[in-house]
C-alpha atoms as a PDB file:
ATOM      1  CA  MET A   1     116.773  98.662 160.537  1.00  0.00           C
ATOM      2  CA  THR A   2     113.349  99.400 159.099  1.00  0.00           C
ATOM      3  CA  ALA A   3     110.983  96.862 157.610  1.00  0.00           C
ATOM      4  CA  SER A   4     111.309  98.437 154.136  1.00  0.00           C
ATOM      5  CA  ILE A   5     115.160  97.818 154.221  1.00  0.00           C
ATOM      6  CA  GLN A   6     114.601  94.173 155.280  1.00  0.00           C
ATOM      7  CA  GLY A   7     112.070  93.746 152.512  1.00  0.00           C
ATOM      8  CA  VAL A   8     114.414  95.156 149.859  1.00  0.00           C
ATOM      9  CA  SER A   9     117.213  92.900 151.173  1.00  0.00           C
ATOM     10  CA  LYS A  10     114.972  89.867 150.854  1.00  0.00           C
ATOM     11  CA  ILE A  11     114.120  90.769 147.248  1.00  0.00           C
ATOM     12  CA  TYR A  12     117.824  91.187 146.590  1.00  0.00           C
ATOM     13  CA  GLY A  13     118.548  87.779 147.976  1.00  0.00           C
ATOM     14  CA  MET A  14     115.988  86.302 145.817  1.00  0.00           C
ATOM     15  CA  LEU A  15     117.504  87.929 142.744  1.00  0.00           C
ATOM     16  CA  LEU A  16     120.918  86.498 143.678  1.00  0.00           C
ATOM     17  CA  ARG A  17     119.411  83.037 143.164  1.00  0.00           C
ATOM     18  CA  LEU A  18     119.673  83.666 139.456  1.00  0.00           C
ATOM     19  CA  PHE A  19     123.465  83.356 139.723  1.00  0.00           C
ATOM     20  CA  PRO A  20     125.236  79.979 139.297  1.00  0.00           C
ATOM     21  CA  ARG A  21     124.987  77.696 142.318  1.00  0.00           C
ATOM     22  CA  ASP A  22     128.688  77.762 143.090  1.00  0.00           C
ATOM     23  CA  PHE A  23     128.675  81.533 143.086  1.00  0.00           C
ATOM     24  CA  GLN A  24     125.704  81.524 145.454  1.00  0.00           C
ATOM     25  CA  ASN A  25     127.393  79.225 147.871  1.00  0.00           C
ATOM     26  CA  GLU A  26     130.523  81.412 148.045  1.00  0.00           C
ATOM     27  CA  PHE A  27     129.275  84.965 147.741  1.00  0.00           C
ATOM     28  CA  LYS A  28     125.430  85.161 148.193  1.00  0.00           C
ATOM     29  CA  GLN A  29     125.260  85.720 151.954  1.00  0.00           C
ATOM     30  CA  GLU A  30     128.174  88.082 151.967  1.00  0.00           C
ATOM     31  CA  MET A  31     126.602  90.186 149.205  1.00  0.00           C
ATOM     32  CA  VAL A  32     123.280  90.275 151.001  1.00  0.00           C
ATOM     33  CA  ASP A  33     124.968  91.353 154.220  1.00  0.00           C
ATOM     34  CA  VAL A  34     126.944  94.095 152.545  1.00  0.00           C
ATOM     35  CA  PHE A  35     123.927  95.279 150.614  1.00  0.00           C
ATOM     36  CA  THR A  36     121.784  95.411 153.708  1.00  0.00           C
ATOM     37  CA  ALA A  37     124.622  97.303 155.607  1.00  0.00           C
ATOM     38  CA  ASN A  38     124.964  99.811 152.793  1.00  0.00           C
ATOM     39  CA  LEU A  39     121.223 100.507 152.785  1.00  0.00           C
ATOM     40  CA  ALA A  40     121.023 100.871 156.528  1.00  0.00           C
ATOM     41  CA  GLU A  41     124.004 103.315 156.455  1.00  0.00           C
ATOM     42  CA  ALA A  42     122.355 105.297 153.571  1.00  0.00           C
ATOM     43  CA  GLU A  43     119.056 105.453 155.337  1.00  0.00           C
ATOM     44  CA  LYS A  44     120.729 107.431 158.131  1.00  0.00           C
ATOM     45  CA  THR A  45     121.500 110.094 155.725  1.00  0.00           C
ATOM     46  CA  SER A  46     118.521 110.353 153.373  1.00  0.00           C
ATOM     47  CA  THR A  47     116.046 108.196 151.419  1.00  0.00           C
ATOM     48  CA  THR A  48     117.585 109.444 148.235  1.00  0.00           C
ATOM     49  CA  LEU A  49     120.797 107.615 148.974  1.00  0.00           C
ATOM     50  CA  VAL A  50     118.809 104.375 149.599  1.00  0.00           C
ATOM     51  CA  VAL A  51     117.178 104.737 146.197  1.00  0.00           C
ATOM     52  CA  ARG A  52     120.504 105.456 144.533  1.00  0.00           C
ATOM     53  CA  ALA A  53     122.088 102.345 146.108  1.00  0.00           C
ATOM     54  CA  CYS A  54     119.191 100.172 144.856  1.00  0.00           C
ATOM     55  CA  PHE A  55     119.423 101.737 141.417  1.00  0.00           C
ATOM     56  CA  PHE A  56     123.101 100.954 141.240  1.00  0.00           C
ATOM     57  CA  GLU A  57     122.600  97.395 142.125  1.00  0.00           C
ATOM     58  CA  LEU A  58     119.754  96.999 139.703  1.00  0.00           C
ATOM     59  CA  CYS A  59     121.960  98.314 136.833  1.00  0.00           C
ATOM     60  CA  ASP A  60     124.836  96.101 137.794  1.00  0.00           C
ATOM     61  CA  LEU A  61     122.841  92.873 138.216  1.00  0.00           C
ATOM     62  CA  PRO A  62     122.293  92.029 134.507  1.00  0.00           C
ATOM     63  CA  VAL A  63     125.925  92.572 133.697  1.00  0.00           C
ATOM     64  CA  ASN A  64     127.102  90.522 136.686  1.00  0.00           C
ATOM     65  CA  LEU A  65     124.718  87.725 135.796  1.00  0.00           C
ATOM     66  CA  LEU A  66     125.947  87.543 132.245  1.00  0.00           C
ATOM     67  CA  VAL A  67     129.599  87.545 133.187  1.00  0.00           C
ATOM     68  CA  GLU A  68     129.133  84.897 135.898  1.00  0.00           C
ATOM     69  CA  HIS A  69     127.235  82.464 133.714  1.00  0.00           C
ATOM     70  CA  LEU A  70     129.792  82.969 130.925  1.00  0.00           C
ATOM     71  CA  SER A  71     132.558  82.260 133.414  1.00  0.00           C
ATOM     72  CA  VAL A  72     130.838  78.995 134.320  1.00  0.00           C
ATOM     73  CA  LEU A  73     130.872  78.028 130.669  1.00  0.00           C
ATOM     74  CA  ARG A  74     134.623  78.782 130.585  1.00  0.00           C
ATOM     75  CA  LYS A  75     135.159  76.820 133.735  1.00  0.00           C
ATOM     76  CA  GLY A  76     136.546  79.761 135.720  1.00  0.00           C
ATOM     77  CA  ASN A  77     135.250  82.503 138.090  1.00  0.00           C
ATOM     78  CA  ILE A  78     136.247  85.956 136.956  1.00  0.00           C
ATOM     79  CA  MET A  79     134.142  87.887 139.333  1.00  0.00           C
ATOM     80  CA  GLU A  80     137.114  89.248 141.224  1.00  0.00           C
ATOM     81  CA  THR A  81     139.383  90.102 138.235  1.00  0.00           C
ATOM     82  CA  PHE A  82     137.248  92.283 135.974  1.00  0.00           C
ATOM     83  CA  SER A  83     136.316  95.162 138.254  1.00  0.00           C
ATOM     84  CA  TYR A  84     137.580  97.646 135.589  1.00  0.00           C
ATOM     85  CA  GLU A  85     135.237  96.123 132.973  1.00  0.00           C
ATOM     86  CA  PHE A  86     132.380  96.038 135.496  1.00  0.00           C
ATOM     87  CA  SER A  87     132.677  99.838 136.147  1.00  0.00           C
ATOM     88  CA  ARG A  88     132.924 100.488 132.453  1.00  0.00           C
ATOM     89  CA  SER A  89     129.861  98.248 131.808  1.00  0.00           C
ATOM     90  CA  ARG A  90     127.916 100.263 134.274  1.00  0.00           C
ATOM     91  CA  ALA A  91     128.898 103.398 132.333  1.00  0.00           C
ATOM     92  CA  VAL A  92     127.847 101.839 129.106  1.00  0.00           C
ATOM     93  CA  LEU A  93     124.486 100.739 130.437  1.00  0.00           C
ATOM     94  CA  MET A  94     123.717 104.085 132.169  1.00  0.00           C
ATOM     95  CA  ALA A  95     124.780 106.193 129.192  1.00  0.00           C
ATOM     96  CA  ALA A  96     122.850 103.991 126.753  1.00  0.00           C
ATOM     97  CA  LEU A  97     119.764 104.220 128.880  1.00  0.00           C
ATOM     98  CA  GLY A  98     119.949 107.953 129.183  1.00  0.00           C
ATOM     99  CA  MET A  99     120.590 108.543 125.502  1.00  0.00           C
ATOM    100  CA  MET A 100     117.893 106.137 124.427  1.00  0.00           C
ATOM    101  CA  VAL A 101     115.202 107.729 126.640  1.00  0.00           C
ATOM    102  CA  GLY A 102     116.178 111.102 125.259  1.00  0.00           C
ATOM    103  CA  TRP A 103     115.851 110.117 121.583  1.00  0.00           C
ATOM    104  CA  VAL A 104     112.613 108.310 122.222  1.00  0.00           C
ATOM    105  CA  LEU A 105     111.218 111.522 123.794  1.00  0.00           C
ATOM    106  CA  ILE A 106     112.373 113.420 120.718  1.00  0.00           C
ATOM    107  CA  ASN A 107     110.455 110.983 118.637  1.00  0.00           C
ATOM    108  CA  VAL A 108     107.382 111.389 120.761  1.00  0.00           C
ATOM    109  CA  GLU A 109     107.637 115.216 120.396  1.00  0.00           C
ATOM    110  CA  GLY A 110     107.934 114.765 116.640  1.00  0.00           C
ATOM    111  CA  GLN A 111     104.507 113.058 116.634  1.00  0.00           C
ATOM    112  CA  TYR A 112     102.935 116.239 118.006  1.00  0.00           C
ATOM    113  CA  ILE A 113     105.093 118.845 116.215  1.00  0.00           C
ATOM    114  CA  HIS A 114     102.227 119.770 113.833  1.00  0.00           C
ATOM    115  CA  THR A 115      99.790 120.285 116.705  1.00  0.00           C
ATOM    116  CA  LEU A 116     102.400 122.389 118.552  1.00  0.00           C
ATOM    117  CA  ALA A 117     103.006 124.450 115.400  1.00  0.00           C
ATOM    118  CA  GLN A 118      99.342 125.516 115.388  1.00  0.00           C
ATOM    119  CA  ILE A 119      99.154 126.712 118.959  1.00  0.00           C
ATOM    120  CA  LEU A 120     102.715 128.074 119.515  1.00  0.00           C
ATOM    121  CA  PRO A 121     104.419 131.018 117.870  1.00  0.00           C
ATOM    122  CA  TYR A 122     107.438 130.268 115.761  1.00  0.00           C
ATOM    123  CA  TRP A 123     110.000 131.391 118.309  1.00  0.00           C
ATOM    124  CA  ALA A 124     108.385 129.384 121.083  1.00  0.00           C
ATOM    125  CA  LEU A 125     108.246 126.254 118.925  1.00  0.00           C
ATOM    126  CA  ASP A 126     111.902 126.549 118.062  1.00  0.00           C
ATOM    127  CA  LEU A 127     112.715 127.054 121.727  1.00  0.00           C
ATOM    128  CA  VAL A 128     110.811 123.868 122.634  1.00  0.00           C
ATOM    129  CA  GLN A 129     112.612 121.875 119.960  1.00  0.00           C
ATOM    130  CA  THR A 130     115.960 123.203 121.085  1.00  0.00           C
ATOM    131  CA  ILE A 131     115.260 122.150 124.648  1.00  0.00           C
ATOM    132  CA  VAL A 132     113.907 118.715 123.567  1.00  0.00           C
ATOM    133  CA  PHE A 133     116.975 118.061 121.366  1.00  0.00           C
ATOM    134  CA  THR A 134     119.328 118.720 124.326  1.00  0.00           C
ATOM    135  CA  VAL A 135     117.602 115.991 126.454  1.00  0.00           C
ATOM    136  CA  PRO A 136     119.529 112.954 125.084  1.00  0.00           C
ATOM    137  CA  VAL A 137     123.068 114.385 125.820  1.00  0.00           C
ATOM    138  CA  VAL A 138     121.917 115.862 129.121  1.00  0.00           C
ATOM    139  CA  LEU A 139     120.479 112.530 130.345  1.00  0.00           C
ATOM    140  CA  CYS A 140     123.581 110.721 129.111  1.00  0.00           C
ATOM    141  CA  GLY A 141     125.758 113.169 131.039  1.00  0.00           C
ATOM    142  CA  MET A 142     123.691 112.876 134.158  1.00  0.00           C
ATOM    143  CA  MET A 143     123.881 109.058 134.102  1.00  0.00           C
ATOM    144  CA  LEU A 144     127.596 109.184 133.649  1.00  0.00           C
ATOM    145  CA  GLY A 145     127.858 111.639 136.524  1.00  0.00           C
ATOM    146  CA  ILE A 146     125.962 109.218 138.738  1.00  0.00           C
ATOM    147  CA  VAL A 147     128.341 106.380 137.759  1.00  0.00           C
ATOM    148  CA  ALA A 148     131.338 108.540 138.471  1.00  0.00           C
ATOM    149  CA  GLY A 149     129.970 109.501 141.809  1.00  0.00           C
ATOM    150  CA  VAL A 150     130.824 113.147 141.328  1.00  0.00           C
ATOM    151  CA  GLY A 151     129.894 115.838 143.779  1.00  0.00           C
ATOM    152  CA  ARG A 152     126.928 118.190 143.450  1.00  0.00           C
ATOM    153  CA  ARG A 153     128.909 120.958 141.865  1.00  0.00           C
ATOM    154  CA  ALA A 154     130.491 118.689 139.272  1.00  0.00           C
ATOM    155  CA  PHE A 155     127.166 117.054 138.623  1.00  0.00           C
ATOM    156  CA  LEU A 156     125.641 120.415 137.817  1.00  0.00           C
ATOM    157  CA  ARG A 157     128.642 121.299 135.698  1.00  0.00           C
ATOM    158  CA  ILE A 158     128.302 118.161 133.651  1.00  0.00           C
ATOM    159  CA  GLY A 159     124.672 118.983 133.005  1.00  0.00           C
ATOM    160  CA  LEU A 160     125.470 122.552 131.954  1.00  0.00           C
ATOM    161  CA  TRP A 161     128.257 121.604 129.564  1.00  0.00           C
ATOM    162  CA  ALA A 162     126.230 118.749 128.101  1.00  0.00           C
ATOM    163  CA  ALA A 163     123.308 121.101 127.606  1.00  0.00           C
ATOM    164  CA  ALA A 164     125.627 123.625 125.879  1.00  0.00           C
ATOM    165  CA  GLY A 165     126.730 120.975 123.390  1.00  0.00           C
ATOM    166  CA  GLY A 166     123.163 119.931 122.673  1.00  0.00           C
ATOM    167  CA  VAL A 167     122.113 123.625 122.099  1.00  0.00           C
ATOM    168  CA  LEU A 168     125.109 124.327 119.846  1.00  0.00           C
ATOM    169  CA  GLY A 169     124.359 121.120 117.962  1.00  0.00           C
ATOM    170  CA  HIS A 170     120.746 122.143 117.376  1.00  0.00           C
ATOM    171  CA  LEU A 171     121.752 125.629 116.244  1.00  0.00           C
ATOM    172  CA  VAL A 172     124.491 124.463 113.885  1.00  0.00           C
ATOM    173  CA  THR A 173     122.161 121.882 112.242  1.00  0.00           C
ATOM    174  CA  PHE A 174     119.591 124.598 111.383  1.00  0.00           C
ATOM    175  CA  PRO A 175     121.153 125.511 108.017  1.00  0.00           C
ATOM    176  CA  ILE A 176     121.817 121.855 107.360  1.00  0.00           C
ATOM    177  CA  ARG A 177     118.189 121.016 107.899  1.00  0.00           C
ATOM    178  CA  MET A 178     117.179 123.882 105.613  1.00  0.00           C
ATOM    179  CA  VAL A 179     119.417 122.544 102.867  1.00  0.00           C
ATOM    180  CA  ASN A 180     118.123 118.984 103.512  1.00  0.00           C
ATOM    181  CA  THR A 181     114.455 120.180 103.043  1.00  0.00           C
ATOM    182  CA  ALA A 182     115.336 121.656  99.627  1.00  0.00           C
ATOM    183  CA  ILE A 183     117.294 118.503  98.619  1.00  0.00           C
ATOM    184  CA  LEU A 184     114.382 116.233  99.629  1.00  0.00           C
ATOM    185  CA  ALA A 185     111.910 118.412  97.757  1.00  0.00           C
ATOM    186  CA  ARG A 186     114.061 118.037  94.631  1.00  0.00           C
ATOM    187  CA  ALA A 187     114.339 114.297  95.157  1.00  0.00           C
ATOM    188  CA  ALA A 188     110.635 113.901  95.297  1.00  0.00           C
ATOM    189  CA  THR A 189     110.682 112.944  91.590  1.00  0.00           C
ATOM    190  CA  TYR A 190     113.314 110.211  92.164  1.00  0.00           C
ATOM    191  CA  SER A 191     112.516 106.549  92.406  1.00  0.00           C
ATOM    192  CA  GLN A 192     111.535 105.145  95.788  1.00  0.00           C
ATOM    193  CA  TRP A 193     114.955 103.669  96.668  1.00  0.00           C
ATOM    194  CA  GLU A 194     116.795 106.779  95.491  1.00  0.00           C
ATOM    195  CA  TYR A 195     114.485 108.994  97.555  1.00  0.00           C
ATOM    196  CA  GLU A 196     115.047 106.803 100.614  1.00  0.00           C
ATOM    197  CA  LEU A 197     118.774 106.911 100.063  1.00  0.00           C
ATOM    198  CA  VAL A 198     118.818 110.666  99.826  1.00  0.00           C
ATOM    199  CA  GLY A 199     116.601 110.874 103.023  1.00  0.00           C
ATOM    200  CA  LEU A 200     119.031 108.602 104.903  1.00  0.00           C
ATOM    201  CA  LEU A 201     122.090 110.607 103.845  1.00  0.00           C
ATOM    202  CA  THR A 202     120.453 113.906 104.822  1.00  0.00           C
ATOM    203  CA  LEU A 203     119.438 112.484 108.170  1.00  0.00           C
ATOM    204  CA  LEU A 204     122.974 111.111 108.647  1.00  0.00           C
ATOM    205  CA  ALA A 205     124.445 114.623 108.056  1.00  0.00           C
ATOM    206  CA  VAL A 206     122.244 116.165 110.778  1.00  0.00           C
ATOM    207  CA  LEU A 207     122.815 113.364 113.336  1.00  0.00           C
ATOM    208  CA  CYS A 208     126.563 113.399 112.784  1.00  0.00           C
ATOM    209  CA  THR A 209     126.543 117.107 113.523  1.00  0.00           C
ATOM    210  CA  TYR A 210     124.591 116.530 116.706  1.00  0.00           C
ATOM    211  CA  GLY A 211     126.899 113.709 117.659  1.00  0.00           C
ATOM    212  CA  PHE A 212     129.921 115.968 117.169  1.00  0.00           C
ATOM    213  CA  PHE A 213     128.675 118.741 119.497  1.00  0.00           C
ATOM    214  CA  ASN A 214     127.159 116.287 122.026  1.00  0.00           C
ATOM    215  CA  GLY A 215     130.423 114.457 122.271  1.00  0.00           C
ATOM    216  CA  ALA A 216     132.312 117.772 122.510  1.00  0.00           C
ATOM    217  CA  GLY A 217     130.034 118.896 125.440  1.00  0.00           C
ATOM    218  CA  LEU A 218     130.499 115.642 127.376  1.00  0.00           C
ATOM    219  CA  GLY A 219     134.220 115.493 126.629  1.00  0.00           C
ATOM    220  CA  PHE A 220     134.685 119.097 127.874  1.00  0.00           C
ATOM    221  CA  ALA A 221     132.761 118.284 131.054  1.00  0.00           C
ATOM    222  CA  PHE A 222     134.936 115.301 131.893  1.00  0.00           C
ATOM    223  CA  GLY A 223     138.317 116.075 130.316  1.00  0.00           C
ATOM    224  CA  GLY A 224     138.588 119.730 129.407  1.00  0.00           C
ATOM    225  CA  TRP A 225     139.706 120.934 125.994  1.00  0.00           C
ATOM    226  CA  LYS A 226     141.572 117.733 125.348  1.00  0.00           C
ATOM    227  CA  GLY A 227     138.596 115.612 126.005  1.00  0.00           C
ATOM    228  CA  CYS A 228     136.401 117.978 124.013  1.00  0.00           C
ATOM    229  CA  LYS A 229     138.373 117.279 120.824  1.00  0.00           C
ATOM    230  CA  LYS A 230     138.601 113.611 121.374  1.00  0.00           C
ATOM    231  CA  PHE A 231     134.910 112.946 122.214  1.00  0.00           C
ATOM    232  CA  ALA A 232     133.643 115.302 119.497  1.00  0.00           C
ATOM    233  CA  LEU A 233     134.867 112.712 116.967  1.00  0.00           C
ATOM    234  CA  ILE A 234     133.713 109.799 119.049  1.00  0.00           C
ATOM    235  CA  GLY A 235     130.250 111.414 119.296  1.00  0.00           C
ATOM    236  CA  LEU A 236     130.050 111.904 115.589  1.00  0.00           C
ATOM    237  CA  ILE A 237     131.032 108.226 114.934  1.00  0.00           C
ATOM    238  CA  ALA A 238     128.652 107.038 117.674  1.00  0.00           C
ATOM    239  CA  ASN A 239     125.654 108.779 116.149  1.00  0.00           C
ATOM    240  CA  ALA A 240     126.531 107.644 112.709  1.00  0.00           C
ATOM    241  CA  VAL A 241     126.728 103.990 113.855  1.00  0.00           C
ATOM    242  CA  GLY A 242     123.559 104.326 115.853  1.00  0.00           C
ATOM    243  CA  ILE A 243     121.370 105.830 113.197  1.00  0.00           C
ATOM    244  CA  LEU A 244     122.544 103.468 110.403  1.00  0.00           C
ATOM    245  CA  ALA A 245     122.016 100.370 112.668  1.00  0.00           C
ATOM    246  CA  GLY A 246     118.615 101.671 113.808  1.00  0.00           C
ATOM    247  CA  TYR A 247     117.458 102.468 110.355  1.00  0.00           C
ATOM    248  CA  PHE A 248     118.387  99.185 108.810  1.00  0.00           C
ATOM    249  CA  ILE A 249     117.178  97.082 111.734  1.00  0.00           C
ATOM    250  CA  ALA A 250     113.855  98.925 111.779  1.00  0.00           C
ATOM    251  CA  SER A 251     113.547  98.534 108.007  1.00  0.00           C
ATOM    252  CA  SER A 252     114.156  94.775 108.124  1.00  0.00           C
ATOM    253  CA  VAL A 253     111.523  94.055 110.754  1.00  0.00           C
ATOM    254  CA  SER A 254     108.209  92.867 109.300  1.00  0.00           C
ATOM    255  CA  SER A 255     105.266  95.270 109.493  1.00  0.00           C
ATOM    256  CA  ARG A 256     103.348  92.559 111.313  1.00  0.00           C
ATOM    257  CA  VAL A 257     105.700  92.859 114.219  1.00  0.00           C
ATOM    258  CA  TYR A 258     104.893  96.589 114.503  1.00  0.00           C
ATOM    259  CA  LEU A 259     101.204  95.940 114.392  1.00  0.00           C
ATOM    260  CA  TYR A 260     101.583  93.226 117.017  1.00  0.00           C
ATOM    261  CA  LEU A 261     103.597  95.420 119.397  1.00  0.00           C
ATOM    262  CA  GLY A 262     101.560  98.514 118.710  1.00  0.00           C
ATOM    263  CA  LEU A 263     104.705 100.445 117.726  1.00  0.00           C
ATOM    264  CA  GLN A 264     105.770 102.638 114.854  1.00  0.00           C
ATOM    265  CA  PRO A 265     109.067 101.817 113.111  1.00  0.00           C
ATOM    266  CA  SER A 266     110.451 105.279 114.148  1.00  0.00           C
ATOM    267  CA  TYR A 267     110.416 104.070 117.837  1.00  0.00           C
ATOM    268  CA  ILE A 268     112.602 101.118 116.999  1.00  0.00           C
ATOM    269  CA  THR A 269     114.983 103.291 114.955  1.00  0.00           C
ATOM    270  CA  TRP A 270     115.466 105.971 117.621  1.00  0.00           C
ATOM    271  CA  SER A 271     115.642 103.485 120.464  1.00  0.00           C
ATOM    272  CA  ILE A 272     118.472 101.543 118.804  1.00  0.00           C
ATOM    273  CA  MET A 273     120.117 104.805 117.734  1.00  0.00           C
ATOM    274  CA  GLY A 274     120.078 106.237 121.244  1.00  0.00           C
ATOM    275  CA  ALA A 275     121.193 103.013 122.942  1.00  0.00           C
ATOM    276  CA  LEU A 276     124.130 102.492 120.535  1.00  0.00           C
ATOM    277  CA  ALA A 277     125.277 106.125 120.528  1.00  0.00           C
ATOM    278  CA  GLY A 278     125.036 106.315 124.382  1.00  0.00           C
ATOM    279  CA  GLY A 279     126.737 102.939 124.769  1.00  0.00           C
ATOM    280  CA  VAL A 280     129.730 103.984 122.589  1.00  0.00           C
ATOM    281  CA  LEU A 281     130.108 107.301 124.532  1.00  0.00           C
ATOM    282  CA  GLY A 282     129.773 105.421 127.798  1.00  0.00           C
ATOM    283  CA  TRP A 283     132.422 102.928 126.804  1.00  0.00           C
ATOM    284  CA  PHE A 284     135.055 105.596 126.235  1.00  0.00           C
ATOM    285  CA  LEU A 285     133.900 107.961 128.979  1.00  0.00           C
ATOM    286  CA  GLY A 286     133.739 105.070 131.435  1.00  0.00           C
ATOM    287  CA  LYS A 287     137.485 104.966 131.750  1.00  0.00           C
ATOM    288  CA  GLU A 288     137.835 108.705 132.253  1.00  0.00           C
ATOM    289  CA  LYS A 289     138.537 110.112 135.740  1.00  0.00           C
ATOM    290  CA  GLN A 290     135.798 112.173 137.333  1.00  0.00           C
ATOM    291  CA  PRO A 291     136.430 115.947 136.741  1.00  0.00           C
ATOM    292  CA  LYS A 292     138.485 117.316 139.591  1.00  0.00           C
ATOM    293  CA  VAL A 293     138.286 120.926 138.450  1.00  0.00           C
ATOM    294  CA  ASP A 294     136.047 122.870 136.170  1.00  0.00           C
ATOM    295  CA  PRO A 295     137.651 123.196 132.638  1.00  0.00           C
ATOM    296  CA  VAL A 296     136.883 126.901 132.580  1.00  0.00           C
ATOM    297  CA  MET A 297     136.427 128.252 136.112  1.00  0.00           C
ATOM    298  CA  GLN A 298     139.096 125.931 137.587  1.00  0.00           C
ATOM    299  CA  THR A 299     136.895 125.362 140.676  1.00  0.00           C
ATOM    300  CA  GLY A 300     137.066 122.117 142.683  1.00  0.00           C
ATOM    301  CA  ASN A 301     134.778 119.129 142.424  1.00  0.00           C
ATOM    302  CA  VAL A 302     132.789 119.373 145.628  1.00  0.00           C
END
């Protein structure tokens, strides 16, 4: 066992001190021993597996902490009875993280869109935007693939179908965005609240379309045509809930908070939107089986 594995195990043991004392007395040493053994076994194969094992534990820790402290308040230990919820919680956290990072990156790209428009031809700019707008669903799919523990072939397949959903979503929203531009130009003479309402509705139309195709791509990757239909609707609802919550929360926060944090309101909006949309998809996809065969090619999950 290398010194690095021992160091990581010590840090893990220190983090376990955050759990309730009764839980520590019963499970702490066993958990440290199992974690250390897993790292030592993973180290024999590759460093990547070691990093992956640490990443899983880091994602699981906050959920387990919350559940254990709540169980103490309820005077009962539920650590051993909610494994299904734990696995689904991991899917929710990972999917939310992937989707949130993707939408924040889109917001960052939007800050520089005018600069890019001056140095790139139209077709190149549209290609960049198409790629950027596929990032949230691809990251969400990759995270869910990690949670499911799929093989390399299935992992690549998830990425490809998720990207296909993102690209289709971006292409289909093009005429919607053109119509929205005309509607907003006409609404420029409206009162402030009417203009903001029209802007929110046009944004909602675009994001619901994105959600429909993003969900369809993820559903097709995990469940074939049946999953495609089901998760298209879930994706639409997830994006609608996400953008409405993000918009109203960001609007209700005082401008002093943004000045203090050095953030723009749009970052709050898209962070909340991505986290909620990804979390909803992760909640429903977390109970799905990993894809055993490709929905189109019918090849195995190796």
